Amino acid sequence: MKARGWLHNRIVAALLPIFLSCAPVFAQTPALDALFDELAGADARAALRIERQIWSEWSKSGSAAMDLLLQRGRDAMEAGDTDAAIDHFTALIDHAPDFAEGWNARATAYFVAGQYGPSVNDIAQVLALNPRHFGAMSGLAAIMEQLDRPAQALEAYRAALAIHPHLAGISEAVERLEAKAAGQEL
């Protein structure tokens, strides 16, 4: 489903630089810092293992109740019940507004529902809380592609690759968008 409307596209395009330039001042954990250091120099196979570990760390809210809301939302997404997923993720965000993965999960649910504006708003929150969130960056890039904003999509994909050089499918997206910008179709 493609979002339409000139106002929506202008707002998203105007906010993109802000999302991608979030100050890298955020709470870090030694475990995540070590994982990101490893990720920077890893080969593709090791990067996949490290990526799973990063997602695992990101998914820990510090509260069993909040982790349960996250899991219920993910289960609803897997079952194709996007509305229920959004409800679970909204409850999670209401109770744990500083938990970046709650915002990211809801951004994903909004994206799946074709609600790009709310998805972009949630991505902004994710990146404010966790500027290294390569998943949110690649999600933002996918939205920009859907909105036919290839320059912004390319910028977001490159930002994701700068953090995670082996992120699945992103190098190909960059190559495709660079070729399109050069006037060539792949």
Protein backbone atom coordinates (compact mmCIF):
# COMPACT_ATOMS: atom_id res chain seq x y z
CA MET A 1 0.00 0.00 0.00
CA LYS A 2 1.50 3.31 -1.04
CA ALA A 3 0.94 6.38 1.10
CA ARG A 4 -0.35 9.30 -0.90
CA GLY A 5 -0.60 12.95 -0.22
CA TRP A 6 1.91 15.71 -0.80
CA LEU A 7 1.77 16.95 2.79
CA HIS A 8 2.75 13.57 4.23
CA ASN A 9 5.71 13.19 1.86
CA ARG A 10 6.96 16.72 2.58
CA ILE A 11 6.78 16.21 6.32
CA VAL A 12 8.61 12.89 6.16
CA ALA A 13 11.26 14.35 3.84
CA ALA A 14 11.74 17.38 6.09
CA LEU A 15 12.18 15.24 9.20
CA LEU A 16 14.54 12.64 7.69
CA PRO A 17 17.78 14.59 8.35
CA ILE A 18 16.74 15.08 11.96
CA PHE A 19 16.17 11.35 12.44
CA LEU A 20 19.51 10.44 10.93
CA SER A 21 21.49 13.04 12.86
CA CYS A 22 20.40 12.08 16.35
CA ALA A 23 23.22 12.90 18.71
CA PRO A 24 25.17 9.79 19.65
CA VAL A 25 24.66 10.50 23.35
CA PHE A 26 22.79 7.52 24.76
CA ALA A 27 22.96 4.94 27.44
CA GLN A 28 25.34 2.20 26.44
CA THR A 29 25.99 -1.14 27.95
CA PRO A 30 29.39 -2.81 27.87
CA ALA A 31 27.81 -5.89 26.31
CA LEU A 32 26.32 -3.91 23.42
CA ASP A 33 29.46 -1.85 22.95
CA ALA A 34 31.51 -5.04 22.64
CA LEU A 35 29.00 -6.53 20.20
CA PHE A 36 29.07 -3.43 18.00
CA ASP A 37 32.88 -3.44 18.07
CA GLU A 38 32.82 -7.08 16.93
CA LEU A 39 30.18 -6.35 14.30
CA ALA A 40 32.31 -3.65 12.67
CA GLY A 41 35.05 -6.15 11.80
CA ALA A 42 33.07 -9.34 11.40
CA ASP A 43 32.71 -11.43 8.28
CA ALA A 44 29.18 -12.12 7.00
CA ARG A 45 28.74 -15.36 8.94
CA ALA A 46 29.93 -13.92 12.25
CA ALA A 47 27.90 -10.76 11.63
CA LEU A 48 24.69 -12.79 11.54
CA ARG A 49 25.49 -14.32 14.95
CA ILE A 50 26.41 -10.93 16.40
CA GLU A 51 23.26 -9.35 14.95
CA ARG A 52 21.13 -11.96 16.73
CA GLN A 53 22.92 -11.17 19.98
CA ILE A 54 22.34 -7.43 19.51
CA TRP A 55 18.64 -8.00 18.86
CA SER A 56 18.51 -10.15 21.98
CA GLU A 57 20.06 -7.36 24.06
CA TRP A 58 17.75 -4.77 22.51
CA SER A 59 14.76 -6.93 23.43
CA LYS A 60 15.53 -6.89 27.15
CA SER A 61 13.46 -4.22 28.84
CA GLY A 62 14.54 -5.06 32.37
CA SER A 63 10.96 -5.97 33.30
CA ALA A 64 9.34 -9.36 32.88
CA ALA A 65 5.95 -7.70 32.37
CA MET A 66 7.29 -5.44 29.60
CA ASP A 67 9.11 -8.33 27.97
CA LEU A 68 5.80 -10.22 27.98
CA LEU A 69 4.02 -7.31 26.24
CA LEU A 70 6.79 -7.25 23.63
CA GLN A 71 6.45 -10.99 23.06
CA ARG A 72 2.65 -10.81 22.84
CA GLY A 73 2.94 -8.08 20.24
CA ARG A 74 5.48 -10.11 18.28
CA ASP A 75 3.24 -13.17 18.48
CA ALA A 76 0.30 -11.12 17.18
CA MET A 77 2.47 -9.89 14.29
CA GLU A 78 3.47 -13.45 13.47
CA ALA A 79 -0.21 -14.45 13.51
CA GLY A 80 -1.02 -11.59 11.12
CA ASP A 81 -3.04 -9.64 13.68
CA THR A 82 -1.46 -6.23 13.18
CA ASP A 83 -4.13 -4.37 15.14
CA ALA A 84 -3.58 -6.53 18.23
CA ALA A 85 0.18 -6.14 17.82
CA ILE A 86 -0.16 -2.36 17.73
CA ASP A 87 -2.31 -2.51 20.87
CA HIS A 88 0.29 -4.62 22.72
CA PHE A 89 3.16 -2.41 21.60
CA THR A 90 1.23 0.73 22.54
CA ALA A 91 0.65 -0.66 26.03
CA LEU A 92 4.36 -1.45 26.25
CA ILE A 93 5.30 2.09 25.21
CA ASP A 94 2.80 3.57 27.66
CA HIS A 95 4.46 1.68 30.52
CA ALA A 96 8.08 1.83 29.31
CA PRO A 97 8.52 4.92 27.11
CA ASP A 98 12.33 4.72 27.32
CA PHE A 99 12.43 1.17 25.91
CA ALA A 100 13.51 1.69 22.30
CA GLU A 101 12.52 -1.78 21.14
CA GLY A 102 8.88 -1.14 22.06
CA TRP A 103 8.87 1.84 19.72
CA ASN A 104 10.67 -0.14 17.02
CA ALA A 105 8.23 -3.03 17.23
CA ARG A 106 5.27 -0.68 16.92
CA ALA A 107 6.96 1.13 14.01
CA THR A 108 7.21 -2.22 12.26
CA ALA A 109 3.56 -3.01 12.94
CA TYR A 110 2.51 0.39 11.61
CA PHE A 111 4.63 -0.20 8.50
CA VAL A 112 2.99 -3.57 7.89
CA ALA A 113 -0.40 -1.87 8.29
CA GLY A 114 0.60 0.73 5.68
CA GLN A 115 0.53 3.52 8.25
CA TYR A 116 3.79 5.20 7.27
CA GLY A 117 3.33 8.45 9.20
CA PRO A 118 2.93 6.76 12.60
CA SER A 119 5.74 4.37 11.68
CA VAL A 120 8.11 7.25 10.93
CA ASN A 121 7.13 8.94 14.20
CA ASP A 122 8.00 5.78 16.12
CA ILE A 123 11.27 5.39 14.22
CA ALA A 124 12.19 8.91 15.33
CA GLN A 125 11.68 7.79 18.93
CA VAL A 126 13.76 4.65 18.39
CA LEU A 127 16.65 6.64 16.94
CA ALA A 128 16.44 9.24 19.70
CA LEU A 129 16.73 6.46 22.28
CA ASN A 130 19.13 4.25 20.31
CA PRO A 131 20.97 5.98 17.43
CA ARG A 132 22.73 2.69 16.51
CA HIS A 133 19.44 0.93 15.73
CA PHE A 134 20.23 -0.35 12.24
CA GLY A 135 16.82 -2.04 12.07
CA ALA A 136 15.01 1.28 12.53
CA MET A 137 17.26 2.90 9.93
CA SER A 138 16.55 0.19 7.39
CA GLY A 139 12.83 0.45 8.19
CA LEU A 140 12.97 4.19 7.57
CA ALA A 141 14.73 3.52 4.28
CA ALA A 142 12.01 1.06 3.24
CA ILE A 143 9.37 3.69 3.98
CA MET A 144 11.25 6.27 1.95
CA GLU A 145 11.33 3.82 -0.95
CA GLN A 146 7.57 3.25 -0.64
CA LEU A 147 7.06 7.02 -0.69
CA ASP A 148 9.24 7.28 -3.82
CA ARG A 149 11.97 9.22 -2.01
CA PRO A 150 15.05 7.37 -3.31
CA ALA A 151 17.63 9.92 -2.10
CA GLN A 152 16.32 9.73 1.46
CA ALA A 153 16.07 5.94 1.26
CA LEU A 154 19.67 5.73 0.08
CA GLU A 155 20.82 7.99 2.94
CA ALA A 156 19.05 5.83 5.52
CA TYR A 157 20.34 2.57 4.01
CA ARG A 158 23.89 3.92 4.05
CA ALA A 159 23.50 4.96 7.69
CA ALA A 160 22.39 1.41 8.54
CA LEU A 161 25.33 -0.09 6.63
CA ALA A 162 27.78 2.18 8.43
CA ILE A 163 26.74 0.47 11.65
CA HIS A 164 26.11 -3.05 10.32
CA PRO A 165 28.14 -3.66 7.12
CA HIS A 166 26.54 -7.08 6.49
CA LEU A 167 22.88 -6.20 7.10
CA ALA A 168 20.84 -8.56 4.92
CA GLY A 169 19.62 -7.07 1.66
CA ILE A 170 20.83 -3.55 2.37
CA SER A 171 23.93 -3.57 0.15
CA GLU A 172 21.72 -4.69 -2.72
CA ALA A 173 19.25 -1.89 -1.98
CA VAL A 174 22.08 0.65 -1.99
CA GLU A 175 23.38 -0.69 -5.31
CA ARG A 176 19.88 -0.60 -6.81
CA LEU A 177 19.24 2.98 -5.66
CA GLU A 178 22.70 4.15 -6.76
CA ALA A 179 22.12 2.65 -10.20
CA LYS A 180 18.70 4.29 -10.38
CA ALA A 181 20.20 7.64 -9.39
CA ALA A 182 22.79 7.21 -12.14
CA GLY A 183 20.00 6.61 -14.65
CA GLN A 184 20.41 2.86 -14.91
CA GLU A 185 17.92 0.21 -13.99
CA LEU A 186 19.26 -3.09 -12.71
